Amino acid sequence: MGLVTVGTWTIAALAGLYLLYLWLSGGGMRRAKVTRFPATLVFSHPTLAVSALVCWIAALVTGSRVLAWVAFGGLAVAALLGFVMFTRWLGAGRHEKDGPGFPVLAVTLHGLAGVTTFVLVFLTASAARVF
């Protein structure tokens, strides 16, 4: 189950990378100081998720339950930040009309892969063995 989790995590990461690319190419860093997606939020989310992925891979290699739970904690914070961005994205239709925004399919794929990963990490970290 640990390797399946790496697969779902990779899918979430690729979809997230695509969304980050769209945000940056759409002028995300050049907008006014107050935006619906502040740069700190946008960069903290993937930084935490990638750090948690590194801990997860280390947990798979070493069999350490502590690293598995550290990965889960980092992923939980990253998921919370992702949920904040998702709710801001949902509310954007009422406030901001400057462009097409993010594609619904990419956001949905990223969210579903992220939730699946979150559940799999929790279940695997809870098991007696990590692999």
C-alpha atoms as a PDB file:
ATOM      1  CA  MET A   1       0.000   0.000   0.000  1.00  0.00           C
ATOM      2  CA  GLY A   2       2.984   2.295   0.544  1.00  0.00           C
ATOM      3  CA  LEU A   3       3.908   2.272  -3.138  1.00  0.00           C
ATOM      4  CA  VAL A   4       0.298   2.858  -4.205  1.00  0.00           C
ATOM      5  CA  THR A   5       0.391   5.899  -1.945  1.00  0.00           C
ATOM      6  CA  VAL A   6       3.507   7.153  -3.722  1.00  0.00           C
ATOM      7  CA  GLY A   7       1.606   6.761  -7.005  1.00  0.00           C
ATOM      8  CA  THR A   8      -1.404   8.775  -5.865  1.00  0.00           C
ATOM      9  CA  TRP A   9       0.945  11.341  -4.333  1.00  0.00           C
ATOM     10  CA  THR A  10       2.721  11.640  -7.698  1.00  0.00           C
ATOM     11  CA  ILE A  11      -0.575  12.201  -9.510  1.00  0.00           C
ATOM     12  CA  ALA A  12      -1.511  14.918  -7.013  1.00  0.00           C
ATOM     13  CA  ALA A  13       1.931  16.494  -7.371  1.00  0.00           C
ATOM     14  CA  LEU A  14       1.793  16.564 -11.175  1.00  0.00           C
ATOM     15  CA  ALA A  15      -1.677  18.112 -11.205  1.00  0.00           C
ATOM     16  CA  GLY A  16      -0.528  20.595  -8.563  1.00  0.00           C
ATOM     17  CA  LEU A  17       2.559  21.462 -10.597  1.00  0.00           C
ATOM     18  CA  TYR A  18       0.307  22.181 -13.564  1.00  0.00           C
ATOM     19  CA  LEU A  19      -1.892  24.451 -11.414  1.00  0.00           C
ATOM     20  CA  LEU A  20       1.192  26.240 -10.064  1.00  0.00           C
ATOM     21  CA  TYR A  21       2.402  26.752 -13.632  1.00  0.00           C
ATOM     22  CA  LEU A  22      -0.959  28.253 -14.596  1.00  0.00           C
ATOM     23  CA  TRP A  23      -0.897  30.551 -11.566  1.00  0.00           C
ATOM     24  CA  LEU A  24       2.635  31.762 -12.296  1.00  0.00           C
ATOM     25  CA  SER A  25       2.063  32.182 -16.040  1.00  0.00           C
ATOM     26  CA  GLY A  26      -1.165  34.048 -15.325  1.00  0.00           C
ATOM     27  CA  GLY A  27       0.714  36.685 -13.365  1.00  0.00           C
ATOM     28  CA  GLY A  28       0.230  35.256  -9.888  1.00  0.00           C
ATOM     29  CA  MET A  29       3.404  36.881  -8.562  1.00  0.00           C
ATOM     30  CA  ARG A  30       2.783  40.234 -10.280  1.00  0.00           C
ATOM     31  CA  ARG A  31      -0.683  40.906  -8.886  1.00  0.00           C
ATOM     32  CA  ALA A  32      -1.513  43.315  -6.107  1.00  0.00           C
ATOM     33  CA  LYS A  33      -0.349  42.505  -2.573  1.00  0.00           C
ATOM     34  CA  VAL A  34      -3.792  41.301  -1.541  1.00  0.00           C
ATOM     35  CA  THR A  35      -4.949  38.488  -3.806  1.00  0.00           C
ATOM     36  CA  ARG A  36      -7.129  35.461  -3.351  1.00  0.00           C
ATOM     37  CA  PHE A  37      -3.957  33.315  -3.518  1.00  0.00           C
ATOM     38  CA  PRO A  38      -1.151  34.951  -1.531  1.00  0.00           C
ATOM     39  CA  ALA A  39       2.314  33.769  -2.559  1.00  0.00           C
ATOM     40  CA  THR A  40       3.060  32.464   0.938  1.00  0.00           C
ATOM     41  CA  LEU A  41       0.016  30.207   0.794  1.00  0.00           C
ATOM     42  CA  VAL A  42       0.711  29.061  -2.751  1.00  0.00           C
ATOM     43  CA  PHE A  43       4.337  28.109  -2.040  1.00  0.00           C
ATOM     44  CA  SER A  44       3.826  26.713   1.478  1.00  0.00           C
ATOM     45  CA  HIS A  45       1.331  24.119   0.243  1.00  0.00           C
ATOM     46  CA  PRO A  46       3.668  22.316  -2.196  1.00  0.00           C
ATOM     47  CA  THR A  47       6.724  22.804   0.021  1.00  0.00           C
ATOM     48  CA  LEU A  48       5.020  20.982   2.880  1.00  0.00           C
ATOM     49  CA  ALA A  49       3.631  18.312   0.572  1.00  0.00           C
ATOM     50  CA  VAL A  50       7.016  17.603  -1.017  1.00  0.00           C
ATOM     51  CA  SER A  51       8.715  17.559   2.393  1.00  0.00           C
ATOM     52  CA  ALA A  52       6.104  15.086   3.601  1.00  0.00           C
ATOM     53  CA  LEU A  53       6.659  12.976   0.480  1.00  0.00           C
ATOM     54  CA  VAL A  54      10.396  12.836   1.237  1.00  0.00           C
ATOM     55  CA  CYS A  55       9.570  11.684   4.782  1.00  0.00           C
ATOM     56  CA  TRP A  56       7.149   9.107   3.369  1.00  0.00           C
ATOM     57  CA  ILE A  57       9.740   7.671   0.993  1.00  0.00           C
ATOM     58  CA  ALA A  58      12.260   7.575   3.861  1.00  0.00           C
ATOM     59  CA  ALA A  59       9.642   5.740   5.948  1.00  0.00           C
ATOM     60  CA  LEU A  60       9.159   3.190   3.167  1.00  0.00           C
ATOM     61  CA  VAL A  61      12.894   2.647   2.794  1.00  0.00           C
ATOM     62  CA  THR A  62      13.646   2.384   6.521  1.00  0.00           C
ATOM     63  CA  GLY A  63      10.354   0.975   7.798  1.00  0.00           C
ATOM     64  CA  SER A  64      10.150   3.774  10.379  1.00  0.00           C
ATOM     65  CA  ARG A  65       6.665   4.412  11.753  1.00  0.00           C
ATOM     66  CA  VAL A  66       7.885   7.708  13.207  1.00  0.00           C
ATOM     67  CA  LEU A  67       8.782   8.984   9.743  1.00  0.00           C
ATOM     68  CA  ALA A  68       5.429   7.749   8.447  1.00  0.00           C
ATOM     69  CA  TRP A  69       3.618   9.792  11.105  1.00  0.00           C
ATOM     70  CA  VAL A  70       5.835  12.823  10.424  1.00  0.00           C
ATOM     71  CA  ALA A  71       4.867  12.490   6.766  1.00  0.00           C
ATOM     72  CA  PHE A  72       1.208  12.314   7.768  1.00  0.00           C
ATOM     73  CA  GLY A  73       1.548  15.453   9.920  1.00  0.00           C
ATOM     74  CA  GLY A  74       3.190  17.404   7.113  1.00  0.00           C
ATOM     75  CA  LEU A  75       0.584  16.174   4.670  1.00  0.00           C
ATOM     76  CA  ALA A  76      -2.214  17.164   7.065  1.00  0.00           C
ATOM     77  CA  VAL A  77      -0.940  20.757   7.213  1.00  0.00           C
ATOM     78  CA  ALA A  78      -0.459  20.811   3.431  1.00  0.00           C
ATOM     79  CA  ALA A  79      -4.017  19.502   3.008  1.00  0.00           C
ATOM     80  CA  LEU A  80      -5.343  22.235   5.268  1.00  0.00           C
ATOM     81  CA  LEU A  81      -3.567  24.884   3.187  1.00  0.00           C
ATOM     82  CA  GLY A  82      -4.907  23.230   0.038  1.00  0.00           C
ATOM     83  CA  PHE A  83      -8.420  23.371   1.439  1.00  0.00           C
ATOM     84  CA  VAL A  84      -7.964  27.099   2.105  1.00  0.00           C
ATOM     85  CA  MET A  85      -6.926  27.624  -1.522  1.00  0.00           C
ATOM     86  CA  PHE A  86      -9.837  25.487  -2.725  1.00  0.00           C
ATOM     87  CA  THR A  87     -12.394  27.530  -0.790  1.00  0.00           C
ATOM     88  CA  ARG A  88     -10.834  30.737  -2.116  1.00  0.00           C
ATOM     89  CA  TRP A  89     -11.011  29.294  -5.631  1.00  0.00           C
ATOM     90  CA  LEU A  90     -14.702  28.442  -5.149  1.00  0.00           C
ATOM     91  CA  GLY A  91     -15.463  31.995  -4.015  1.00  0.00           C
ATOM     92  CA  ALA A  92     -13.571  33.565  -6.920  1.00  0.00           C
ATOM     93  CA  GLY A  93     -16.553  33.430  -9.266  1.00  0.00           C
ATOM     94  CA  ARG A  94     -18.310  36.138  -7.295  1.00  0.00           C
ATOM     95  CA  HIS A  95     -15.372  38.508  -6.914  1.00  0.00           C
ATOM     96  CA  GLU A  96     -12.883  38.202  -9.747  1.00  0.00           C
ATOM     97  CA  LYS A  97     -13.639  38.164 -13.469  1.00  0.00           C
ATOM     98  CA  ASP A  98     -10.157  38.662 -14.977  1.00  0.00           C
ATOM     99  CA  GLY A  99      -9.482  35.526 -16.992  1.00  0.00           C
ATOM    100  CA  PRO A 100     -10.480  31.914 -17.275  1.00  0.00           C
ATOM    101  CA  GLY A 101      -9.048  30.818 -13.919  1.00  0.00           C
ATOM    102  CA  PHE A 102      -8.048  27.251 -13.185  1.00  0.00           C
ATOM    103  CA  PRO A 103      -9.477  24.317 -15.148  1.00  0.00           C
ATOM    104  CA  VAL A 104     -12.023  22.410 -13.105  1.00  0.00           C
ATOM    105  CA  LEU A 105     -10.649  19.040 -14.227  1.00  0.00           C
ATOM    106  CA  ALA A 106      -7.128  19.817 -12.955  1.00  0.00           C
ATOM    107  CA  VAL A 107      -8.431  21.116  -9.627  1.00  0.00           C
ATOM    108  CA  THR A 108     -10.684  18.069  -9.236  1.00  0.00           C
ATOM    109  CA  LEU A 109      -7.896  15.624 -10.112  1.00  0.00           C
ATOM    110  CA  HIS A 110      -5.494  17.340  -7.706  1.00  0.00           C
ATOM    111  CA  GLY A 111      -8.074  17.345  -4.910  1.00  0.00           C
ATOM    112  CA  LEU A 112      -9.182  13.735  -5.373  1.00  0.00           C
ATOM    113  CA  ALA A 113      -5.619  12.466  -5.609  1.00  0.00           C
ATOM    114  CA  GLY A 114      -4.730  14.530  -2.541  1.00  0.00           C
ATOM    115  CA  VAL A 115      -7.616  13.190  -0.450  1.00  0.00           C
ATOM    116  CA  THR A 116      -6.862   9.637  -1.574  1.00  0.00           C
ATOM    117  CA  THR A 117      -3.211  10.105  -0.638  1.00  0.00           C
ATOM    118  CA  PHE A 118      -4.173  11.543   2.746  1.00  0.00           C
ATOM    119  CA  VAL A 119      -6.356   8.518   3.543  1.00  0.00           C
ATOM    120  CA  LEU A 120      -3.763   6.027   2.308  1.00  0.00           C
ATOM    121  CA  VAL A 121      -0.979   7.670   4.323  1.00  0.00           C
ATOM    122  CA  PHE A 122      -3.134   7.563   7.440  1.00  0.00           C
ATOM    123  CA  LEU A 123      -4.108   3.914   6.941  1.00  0.00           C
ATOM    124  CA  THR A 124      -0.574   2.836   6.115  1.00  0.00           C
ATOM    125  CA  ALA A 125       0.982   4.765   9.009  1.00  0.00           C
ATOM    126  CA  SER A 126      -1.597   3.179  11.315  1.00  0.00           C
ATOM    127  CA  ALA A 127      -0.670  -0.337  10.186  1.00  0.00           C
ATOM    128  CA  ALA A 128       1.831  -2.439  12.105  1.00  0.00           C
ATOM    129  CA  ARG A 129       4.351  -2.197   9.244  1.00  0.00           C
ATOM    130  CA  VAL A 130       4.890   0.611   6.749  1.00  0.00           C
ATOM    131  CA  PHE A 131       5.498  -1.636   3.730  1.00  0.00           C
END
